[in-house]
């Protein structure tokens, strides 16, 4: 049973969410300011935090940054639909997903469950965790660690999943719609920039390849690819992640 902490000063909304989340089989607790919410989130008693960007005493961004410095707990940021900048900043600071207000309780539950699935050690049912190595990057799905030239690189759950998909299909383009489904567990929308933000985060954290080549490259109107030497590319159709569509660059 997923244990959810909601940090939101709107007590009426919290009461409505309490009834709905309990009906959906989730365990839920509430905090109404950033400081008490952060303390509760770091207690080890919750699997996932839902935090509103307007929470008082400590901003949602500050909460997320401090959480990421000490915890790998799942984080869903709530915010105003018009504030695109806040969404990007939240994702860059380590939020796993963003949901704009107003939202339906059903969509909130779907986002919570999607993050919870990504937090499990093995993403694919019945499959053993994989160890992926492409060039100087090593990804251990069992330990949920990423290393570049032996140096540990801290990734959020969503960043980890995106990198895993791109490494499996390295040298090939993966469509945005497939990345959205595999990484965020939802259908693609042209207005959703979450994958772009995650890819930007990975570029910043991993840096360029030797020689200055961009490690993760956007292919306009298609998707993204992880660069690898031409001689090491897989034949068309052999890259995967479990059915995701990969195409030649």
Protein backbone atom coordinates (compact mmCIF):
# COMPACT_ATOMS: atom_id res chain seq x y z
CA UNK A 1 0.00 0.00 0.00
CA UNK A 2 1.54 3.32 -1.11
CA UNK A 3 1.99 5.82 1.73
CA UNK A 4 1.35 9.35 0.47
CA UNK A 5 2.10 12.67 2.16
CA UNK A 6 0.25 15.73 0.82
CA UNK A 7 1.74 19.16 1.65
CA UNK A 8 -0.91 21.78 0.88
CA UNK A 9 -2.33 24.69 2.89
CA UNK A 10 -5.82 24.27 1.36
CA UNK A 11 -7.51 22.24 4.09
CA UNK A 12 -10.76 21.86 2.17
CA UNK A 13 -8.90 20.36 -0.79
CA UNK A 14 -6.98 18.08 1.57
CA UNK A 15 -10.23 16.78 3.04
CA UNK A 16 -11.56 16.01 -0.44
CA UNK A 17 -8.33 14.27 -1.42
CA UNK A 18 -8.31 12.29 1.82
CA UNK A 19 -11.68 10.72 1.01
CA UNK A 20 -10.72 9.93 -2.57
CA UNK A 21 -7.22 8.58 -1.91
CA UNK A 22 -8.46 6.31 0.87
CA UNK A 23 -11.15 4.92 -1.45
CA UNK A 24 -8.37 4.16 -3.94
CA UNK A 25 -6.50 2.10 -1.35
CA UNK A 26 -3.76 4.62 -0.56
CA UNK A 27 -2.54 5.59 2.91
CA UNK A 28 -2.50 9.38 3.17
CA UNK A 29 -1.27 11.98 5.68
CA UNK A 30 -1.28 15.78 5.41
CA UNK A 31 0.90 18.75 6.30
CA UNK A 32 -0.13 22.36 5.74
CA UNK A 33 3.21 24.18 5.59
CA UNK A 34 6.59 23.51 4.06
CA UNK A 35 8.64 23.10 7.24
CA UNK A 36 6.42 20.52 8.93
CA UNK A 37 5.87 18.83 5.58
CA UNK A 38 9.61 18.50 4.97
CA UNK A 39 10.17 17.02 8.44
CA UNK A 40 7.40 14.49 7.85
CA UNK A 41 8.71 13.65 4.36
CA UNK A 42 12.15 12.91 5.79
CA UNK A 43 10.78 10.70 8.57
CA UNK A 44 10.87 7.57 6.42
CA UNK A 45 7.14 6.99 6.95
CA UNK A 46 6.07 7.88 3.40
CA UNK A 47 6.73 6.55 -0.10
CA UNK A 48 5.68 9.63 -2.04
CA UNK A 49 5.13 13.36 -1.43
CA UNK A 50 2.59 15.58 -3.19
CA UNK A 51 3.54 19.22 -2.63
CA UNK A 52 1.73 22.36 -3.75
CA UNK A 53 3.96 25.13 -5.13
CA UNK A 54 2.14 27.73 -2.98
CA UNK A 55 2.80 26.03 0.36
CA UNK A 56 3.75 28.57 3.11
CA UNK A 57 6.84 28.87 5.37
CA UNK A 58 9.10 27.05 2.90
CA UNK A 59 8.51 27.08 -0.85
CA UNK A 60 7.81 23.88 -2.73
CA UNK A 61 11.09 24.28 -4.62
CA UNK A 62 13.00 24.56 -1.33
CA UNK A 63 11.20 21.46 -0.03
CA UNK A 64 12.09 19.49 -3.16
CA UNK A 65 15.74 20.58 -3.09
CA UNK A 66 16.15 19.60 0.56
CA UNK A 67 14.36 16.31 -0.03
CA UNK A 68 16.64 15.46 -2.93
CA UNK A 69 19.69 16.17 -0.79
CA UNK A 70 18.66 13.45 1.66
CA UNK A 71 16.05 11.16 0.09
CA UNK A 72 14.93 9.34 -3.08
CA UNK A 73 11.25 9.58 -2.10
CA UNK A 74 8.84 10.15 -4.99
CA UNK A 75 7.78 13.78 -5.49
CA UNK A 76 4.76 15.15 -7.37
CA UNK A 77 4.55 18.94 -7.68
CA UNK A 78 1.15 20.67 -7.90
CA UNK A 79 0.96 24.09 -9.52
CA UNK A 80 -0.96 26.65 -11.55
CA UNK A 81 -1.54 25.72 -15.17
CA UNK A 82 -0.20 29.05 -16.43
CA UNK A 83 3.10 28.86 -14.56
CA UNK A 84 5.22 26.94 -17.08
CA UNK A 85 8.43 28.26 -15.54
CA UNK A 86 7.56 26.80 -12.14
CA UNK A 87 6.97 23.41 -13.74
CA UNK A 88 10.37 23.43 -15.42
CA UNK A 89 12.17 24.59 -12.27
CA UNK A 90 10.38 21.94 -10.21
CA UNK A 91 11.39 19.15 -12.55
CA UNK A 92 14.95 20.44 -12.72
CA UNK A 93 15.15 20.46 -8.92
CA UNK A 94 14.13 16.82 -8.70
CA UNK A 95 10.34 16.49 -8.85
CA UNK A 96 9.30 13.26 -10.57
CA UNK A 97 6.22 14.80 -12.16
CA UNK A 98 4.05 17.92 -12.28
CA UNK A 99 0.27 18.24 -12.19
CA UNK A 100 -1.47 21.53 -12.93
CA UNK A 101 -4.49 22.77 -10.99
CA UNK A 102 -7.38 22.30 -11.32
CA UNK A 103 -7.04 18.53 -11.66
CA UNK A 104 -9.30 15.54 -11.24
CA UNK A 105 -8.66 13.23 -8.26
CA UNK A 106 -8.52 10.32 -10.72
CA UNK A 107 -5.62 11.93 -12.59
CA UNK A 108 -3.82 12.58 -9.30
CA UNK A 109 -4.15 8.91 -8.35
CA UNK A 110 -2.91 7.86 -11.80
CA UNK A 111 0.18 10.09 -11.45
CA UNK A 112 0.85 8.79 -7.93
CA UNK A 113 0.65 5.17 -9.08
CA UNK A 114 2.88 5.87 -12.09
CA UNK A 115 5.59 7.36 -9.86
CA UNK A 116 5.22 4.44 -7.42
CA UNK A 117 5.80 1.95 -10.22
CA UNK A 118 8.93 3.79 -11.29
CA UNK A 119 10.27 3.65 -7.75
CA UNK A 120 10.35 -0.13 -7.71
CA UNK A 121 13.75 -1.77 -8.17
CA UNK A 122 12.80 -3.68 -11.31
CA UNK A 123 10.76 -1.85 -13.91
CA UNK A 124 9.82 -4.86 -16.03
CA UNK A 125 7.62 -7.54 -14.52
CA UNK A 126 9.32 -10.93 -14.38
CA UNK A 127 12.66 -9.58 -15.60
CA UNK A 128 15.87 -9.43 -13.59
CA UNK A 129 17.41 -5.96 -13.16
CA UNK A 130 19.88 -5.15 -15.91
CA UNK A 131 23.37 -3.68 -15.90
CA UNK A 132 23.70 -1.31 -18.83
CA UNK A 133 27.02 0.07 -20.08
CA UNK A 134 27.44 2.41 -23.03
CA UNK A 135 30.83 4.09 -23.34
CA UNK A 136 31.75 5.72 -20.05
CA UNK A 137 28.27 5.39 -18.49
CA UNK A 138 27.23 2.43 -16.32
CA UNK A 139 23.63 2.01 -15.18
CA UNK A 140 22.81 -0.60 -12.54
CA UNK A 141 19.04 -1.14 -12.42
CA UNK A 142 19.29 -3.42 -9.39
CA UNK A 143 21.14 -0.89 -7.24
CA UNK A 144 19.47 2.05 -9.05
CA UNK A 145 22.85 3.73 -9.55
CA UNK A 146 24.44 5.61 -12.43
CA UNK A 147 28.19 6.12 -12.84
CA UNK A 148 30.20 8.07 -15.40
CA UNK A 149 33.85 7.04 -15.47
CA UNK A 150 33.29 5.52 -12.04
CA UNK A 151 31.85 8.73 -10.57
CA UNK A 152 28.40 8.35 -8.99
CA UNK A 153 25.80 10.57 -10.69
CA UNK A 154 22.67 11.36 -8.66
CA UNK A 155 19.49 10.96 -10.74
CA UNK A 156 15.80 11.28 -9.94
CA UNK A 157 13.61 8.25 -10.68
CA UNK A 158 12.29 9.81 -13.89
CA UNK A 159 15.80 10.78 -15.06
CA UNK A 160 17.00 7.24 -14.31
CA UNK A 161 14.17 5.69 -16.35
CA UNK A 162 14.75 8.02 -19.29
CA UNK A 163 18.47 7.25 -19.35
CA UNK A 164 17.77 3.50 -19.15
CA UNK A 165 15.48 3.68 -22.20
CA UNK A 166 17.97 5.76 -24.20
CA UNK A 167 20.91 3.51 -23.31
CA UNK A 168 18.99 0.39 -24.40
CA UNK A 169 18.37 2.08 -27.73
CA UNK A 170 21.67 3.95 -28.00
CA UNK A 171 22.48 5.13 -31.48
CA UNK A 172 18.80 5.12 -32.44
CA UNK A 173 16.06 7.71 -32.15
CA UNK A 174 13.28 6.99 -29.67
CA UNK A 175 10.01 8.80 -30.29
CA UNK A 176 8.72 11.25 -27.70
CA UNK A 177 5.44 9.35 -27.49
CA UNK A 178 7.31 6.15 -26.57
CA UNK A 179 9.50 7.98 -24.07
CA UNK A 180 6.44 9.55 -22.45
CA UNK A 181 4.73 6.19 -22.12
CA UNK A 182 7.82 4.29 -20.90
CA UNK A 183 9.22 6.94 -18.58
CA UNK A 184 6.14 8.80 -17.30
CA UNK A 185 3.56 6.06 -17.84
CA UNK A 186 1.09 8.34 -19.62
CA UNK A 187 0.04 9.24 -23.15
CA UNK A 188 2.02 11.83 -25.09
CA UNK A 189 0.77 15.42 -25.38
CA UNK A 190 2.51 18.01 -27.63
CA UNK A 191 2.14 20.54 -24.80
CA UNK A 192 3.91 18.34 -22.24
CA UNK A 193 7.59 19.32 -21.99
CA UNK A 194 8.47 16.92 -19.18
CA UNK A 195 10.65 14.67 -21.37
CA UNK A 196 12.51 17.71 -22.72
CA UNK A 197 13.25 18.92 -19.18
CA UNK A 198 14.44 15.46 -18.10
CA UNK A 199 16.69 15.19 -21.16
CA UNK A 200 18.14 18.63 -20.39
CA UNK A 201 18.82 17.53 -16.80
CA UNK A 202 20.66 14.43 -18.03
CA UNK A 203 22.80 16.49 -20.41
CA UNK A 204 23.78 18.80 -17.56
CA UNK A 205 24.58 15.97 -15.14
CA UNK A 206 26.40 13.68 -17.60
CA UNK A 207 28.16 16.30 -19.72
CA UNK A 208 29.35 15.76 -23.29
CA UNK A 209 31.24 12.83 -24.73
CA UNK A 210 34.99 13.02 -25.29
CA UNK A 211 35.55 15.31 -28.23
CA UNK A 212 32.59 17.50 -27.34
CA UNK A 213 29.84 15.45 -28.98
CA UNK A 214 26.41 15.95 -27.41
CA UNK A 215 25.64 12.80 -25.43
CA UNK A 216 21.83 13.07 -25.65
CA UNK A 217 20.61 14.68 -28.86
CA UNK A 218 17.15 15.96 -29.72
CA UNK A 219 15.87 15.04 -33.18
CA UNK A 220 13.38 17.70 -34.21
CA UNK A 221 9.74 16.58 -34.38
CA UNK A 222 10.74 13.00 -33.51
CA UNK A 223 12.44 12.39 -30.17
CA UNK A 224 15.85 11.76 -28.61
CA UNK A 225 18.85 9.51 -29.08
CA UNK A 226 21.86 8.62 -26.95
CA UNK A 227 25.01 8.91 -29.07
CA UNK A 228 27.37 5.97 -29.50
CA UNK A 229 30.14 5.12 -32.00
CA UNK A 230 28.80 4.16 -35.43
CA UNK A 231 30.63 0.82 -35.31
CA UNK A 232 28.78 -0.10 -32.11
CA UNK A 233 25.27 0.57 -33.34
CA UNK A 234 22.73 -2.21 -33.27
CA UNK A 235 21.00 -3.31 -36.49
CA UNK A 236 17.56 -1.79 -37.02
CA UNK A 237 14.92 -3.56 -34.97
CA UNK A 238 17.29 -4.96 -32.31
CA UNK A 239 17.25 -2.02 -29.95
CA UNK A 240 14.53 -2.04 -27.35
CA UNK A 241 12.98 -1.09 -24.46
CA UNK A 242 10.43 -3.88 -24.53
CA UNK A 243 8.71 -2.86 -27.71
CA UNK A 244 9.47 0.88 -27.78
CA UNK A 245 9.90 2.19 -31.31
CA UNK A 246 13.48 3.02 -32.26
CA UNK A 247 14.44 4.39 -35.65
CA UNK A 248 17.64 5.12 -37.47
CA UNK A 249 18.99 8.61 -37.06
